[in-house]
Each structure stands twice: as C-alpha cells, then as structure tokens.
Amino acid sequence: MRGFIEVFHKKNYGDKKTLAIKTRLQAAGLKNIKEVIPSVIYQIDGDFTAAQIDKIGAQLLADPVLETYKTKAREPKGFFKVQVWIKDSSTDVVGQSVKDIIGLLGHGPAQNVRVGNAFAISGNFTKAQLEAAVKKTFVNEMLNKYTAQEF
C-alpha cells in the first residue's frame, strides 16, 4: 500500500516560512497571490494499514505542539496545489532516515519513503504563470520533479 502523510504548521507557527515562500514566488513574477499554505508530504510504501499510516504521522512525522497532519487529500477549493519531489533516480536521504525509523518504531519495514514539499496557493494567476514561478524558485530540473493541479 502507498500512503501519504501531509504535515502542516499550526496557525501562527509557520508564518515566516509562508511569507518567505510568498515573497520568492512574487519575486519570480507571480504577483497576485492571496494565500499560501505550505506543507511537507511523505510518501510511504509498504505493507501498512490506514491506521498504521495515521500512527506514523502522529508518532513520528508531526510535532503535536507545532504541527498538524492529514493522511487523506482534502484540497481547498480555488487553490492550486504544487508538489516538488526529488526525482526517483536521486537519493532521498530524509526519506531513507524516515524509512529506517519507521522500522525501529515497530510498524514493520517500509519499502520506500520519499519526501516532498507542497504549497497550496490561491490568487489571480494562471497555471502557466504559477508553473513558471515555481520552476524559477523551487525546482532544479536535474534533481526535482513537480506537479501543479487546480482544485
């Protein structure tokens, strides 16, 4: 089974990161941004139940004081969702570390773990404008792959 865990800062805890992302995108030409919601996504491959994936999110990946997490995609309407991942052909050292720790926590071995950054972004711009700004600021095409979807 392939599970996904998406980790978000709680309100008022990730403000500097959110502002930095917004500022970088604006500097790359994406001027009419209304809101940015950053997150980190973990793709976990292995023989896990949905309850185990949820427990991994709660026990390992989300700091309960600063962060929240979700295991099911519920994208905000009117937003674009951008995901930036390390290409499969490149080593994901953070993913490897998470993979090792999952086994140590007694959940059984993970086959693979990949880590990506995601941004839900709303505003008055086109998908093409968003993609151009994302490529300039967050994507090294030798190392990264990305997706952008409108919800």
Protein backbone atom coordinates (compact mmCIF):
# COMPACT_ATOMS: atom_id res chain seq x y z
CA MET A 1 0.00 0.00 0.00
CA ARG A 2 1.14 3.52 -0.70
CA GLY A 3 0.23 6.02 1.99
CA PHE A 4 0.66 9.75 2.14
CA ILE A 5 1.08 11.93 5.21
CA GLU A 6 0.99 15.69 4.79
CA VAL A 7 2.34 17.82 7.65
CA PHE A 8 1.36 21.48 8.19
CA HIS A 9 2.40 24.13 10.68
CA LYS A 10 -0.37 25.12 13.07
CA LYS A 11 -1.75 28.63 12.68
CA ASN A 12 0.80 31.32 13.63
CA TYR A 13 3.73 28.84 13.82
CA GLY A 14 4.77 28.76 10.17
CA ASP A 15 4.25 32.42 9.33
CA LYS A 16 7.89 33.15 8.44
CA LYS A 17 8.11 30.14 6.12
CA THR A 18 4.81 31.07 4.48
CA LEU A 19 5.96 34.67 3.98
CA ALA A 20 9.29 33.52 2.54
CA ILE A 21 7.55 31.27 0.00
CA LYS A 22 5.14 34.03 -0.98
CA THR A 23 7.99 36.55 -1.33
CA ARG A 24 10.08 34.19 -3.51
CA LEU A 25 7.12 33.49 -5.81
CA GLN A 26 6.33 37.20 -6.10
CA ALA A 27 9.97 37.95 -6.94
CA ALA A 28 9.69 35.33 -9.71
CA GLY A 29 6.74 37.20 -11.24
CA LEU A 30 3.69 35.71 -9.50
CA LYS A 31 2.28 39.00 -8.20
CA ASN A 32 -1.37 38.39 -7.28
CA ILE A 33 -1.02 35.78 -4.52
CA LYS A 34 -3.81 35.77 -1.93
CA GLU A 35 -2.80 32.85 0.29
CA VAL A 36 -0.04 30.26 0.60
CA ILE A 37 -0.32 27.09 2.70
CA PRO A 38 2.99 25.18 2.80
CA SER A 39 3.37 21.55 3.84
CA VAL A 40 5.72 18.58 3.73
CA ILE A 41 4.46 15.37 2.12
CA TYR A 42 5.72 11.88 2.96
CA GLN A 43 5.01 9.06 0.51
CA ILE A 44 5.32 5.76 2.36
CA ASP A 45 5.35 2.44 0.52
CA GLY A 46 4.93 -0.77 2.48
CA ASP A 47 2.51 -3.26 3.93
CA PHE A 48 0.73 -0.78 6.21
CA THR A 49 -2.92 -0.28 7.12
CA ALA A 50 -4.51 3.17 7.09
CA ALA A 51 -4.41 3.10 10.90
CA GLN A 52 -0.64 2.42 10.86
CA ILE A 53 -0.05 5.28 8.42
CA ASP A 54 -2.04 7.55 10.74
CA LYS A 55 0.01 6.39 13.73
CA ILE A 56 3.27 7.07 11.86
CA GLY A 57 2.04 10.61 11.22
CA ALA A 58 1.12 11.11 14.87
CA GLN A 59 4.15 9.43 16.46
CA LEU A 60 6.93 10.34 14.09
CA LEU A 61 6.27 12.99 11.49
CA ALA A 62 4.15 15.73 13.11
CA ASP A 63 5.25 17.65 16.19
CA PRO A 64 1.97 17.85 18.18
CA VAL A 65 2.85 21.28 19.59
CA LEU A 66 3.68 22.98 16.30
CA GLU A 67 2.12 20.87 13.56
CA THR A 68 -0.92 19.04 12.33
CA TYR A 69 -1.12 16.32 9.71
CA LYS A 70 -3.56 14.58 7.42
CA THR A 71 -3.49 11.26 5.62
CA LYS A 72 -6.31 11.88 3.16
CA ALA A 73 -6.18 14.58 0.50
CA ARG A 74 -8.74 17.32 1.05
CA GLU A 75 -7.58 20.18 -1.09
CA PRO A 76 -9.05 23.65 -0.60
CA LYS A 77 -11.31 24.75 -3.45
CA GLY A 78 -9.98 27.65 -5.52
CA PHE A 79 -6.34 26.77 -4.84
CA PHE A 80 -3.53 25.37 -6.93
CA LYS A 81 -1.59 22.57 -5.28
CA VAL A 82 2.10 22.35 -6.20
CA GLN A 83 4.21 19.37 -5.15
CA VAL A 84 8.00 19.33 -5.53
CA TRP A 85 9.76 15.97 -5.12
CA ILE A 86 13.30 14.69 -5.50
CA LYS A 87 13.40 12.57 -8.66
CA ASP A 88 13.18 8.82 -8.13
CA SER A 89 16.63 8.43 -9.68
CA SER A 90 18.15 10.56 -6.88
CA THR A 91 18.74 9.51 -3.29
CA ASP A 92 16.24 10.96 -0.82
CA VAL A 93 18.30 10.99 2.39
CA VAL A 94 15.46 12.33 4.54
CA GLY A 95 13.15 9.66 3.14
CA GLN A 96 15.77 7.00 3.90
CA SER A 97 16.05 8.22 7.51
CA VAL A 98 12.27 8.15 7.96
CA LYS A 99 12.16 4.66 6.42
CA ASP A 100 14.73 3.41 8.95
CA ILE A 101 12.92 4.94 11.92
CA ILE A 102 9.52 3.50 10.89
CA GLY A 103 11.01 0.04 11.26
CA LEU A 104 12.52 0.91 14.65
CA LEU A 105 9.12 2.07 15.93
CA GLY A 106 7.74 -1.42 15.37
CA HIS A 107 5.44 -0.69 12.43
CA GLY A 108 7.24 -3.16 10.20
CA PRO A 109 9.63 -2.30 7.41
CA ALA A 110 8.80 0.35 4.86
CA GLN A 111 9.79 -0.49 1.29
CA ASN A 112 10.42 3.13 0.38
CA VAL A 113 9.81 6.65 1.73
CA ARG A 114 10.01 9.83 -0.35
CA VAL A 115 9.69 13.37 1.00
CA GLY A 116 8.35 16.35 -0.93
CA ASN A 117 7.36 19.95 -0.36
CA ALA A 118 3.89 21.15 -1.22
CA PHE A 119 2.23 24.54 -1.48
CA ALA A 120 -1.47 25.29 -1.78
CA ILE A 121 -1.62 28.71 -3.42
CA SER A 122 -4.58 30.94 -4.26
CA GLY A 123 -4.65 34.14 -6.23
CA ASN A 124 -5.31 35.77 -9.57
CA PHE A 125 -2.91 33.99 -11.94
CA THR A 126 -2.88 31.18 -14.48
CA LYS A 127 -1.45 27.71 -14.07
CA ALA A 128 1.25 28.60 -16.61
CA GLN A 129 2.27 31.69 -14.60
CA LEU A 130 2.40 29.62 -11.41
CA GLU A 131 4.49 26.89 -13.04
CA ALA A 132 6.97 29.44 -14.40
CA ALA A 133 7.43 30.98 -10.93
CA VAL A 134 7.73 27.56 -9.26
CA LYS A 135 10.38 26.46 -11.77
CA LYS A 136 12.40 29.62 -11.10
CA THR A 137 12.25 29.32 -7.31
CA PHE A 138 11.77 25.74 -6.12
CA VAL A 139 12.71 23.32 -8.91
CA ASN A 140 16.14 22.23 -10.03
CA GLU A 141 15.15 20.22 -13.11
CA MET A 142 18.22 17.97 -12.75
CA LEU A 143 17.10 16.86 -9.25
CA ASN A 144 13.40 17.64 -8.90
CA LYS A 145 10.07 16.76 -10.43
CA TYR A 146 6.92 18.75 -9.73
CA THR A 147 3.19 18.78 -10.31
CA ALA A 148 0.66 21.60 -10.25
CA GLN A 149 -3.09 20.98 -10.08
CA GLU A 150 -6.04 23.31 -9.71
CA PHE A 151 -8.79 22.45 -7.22
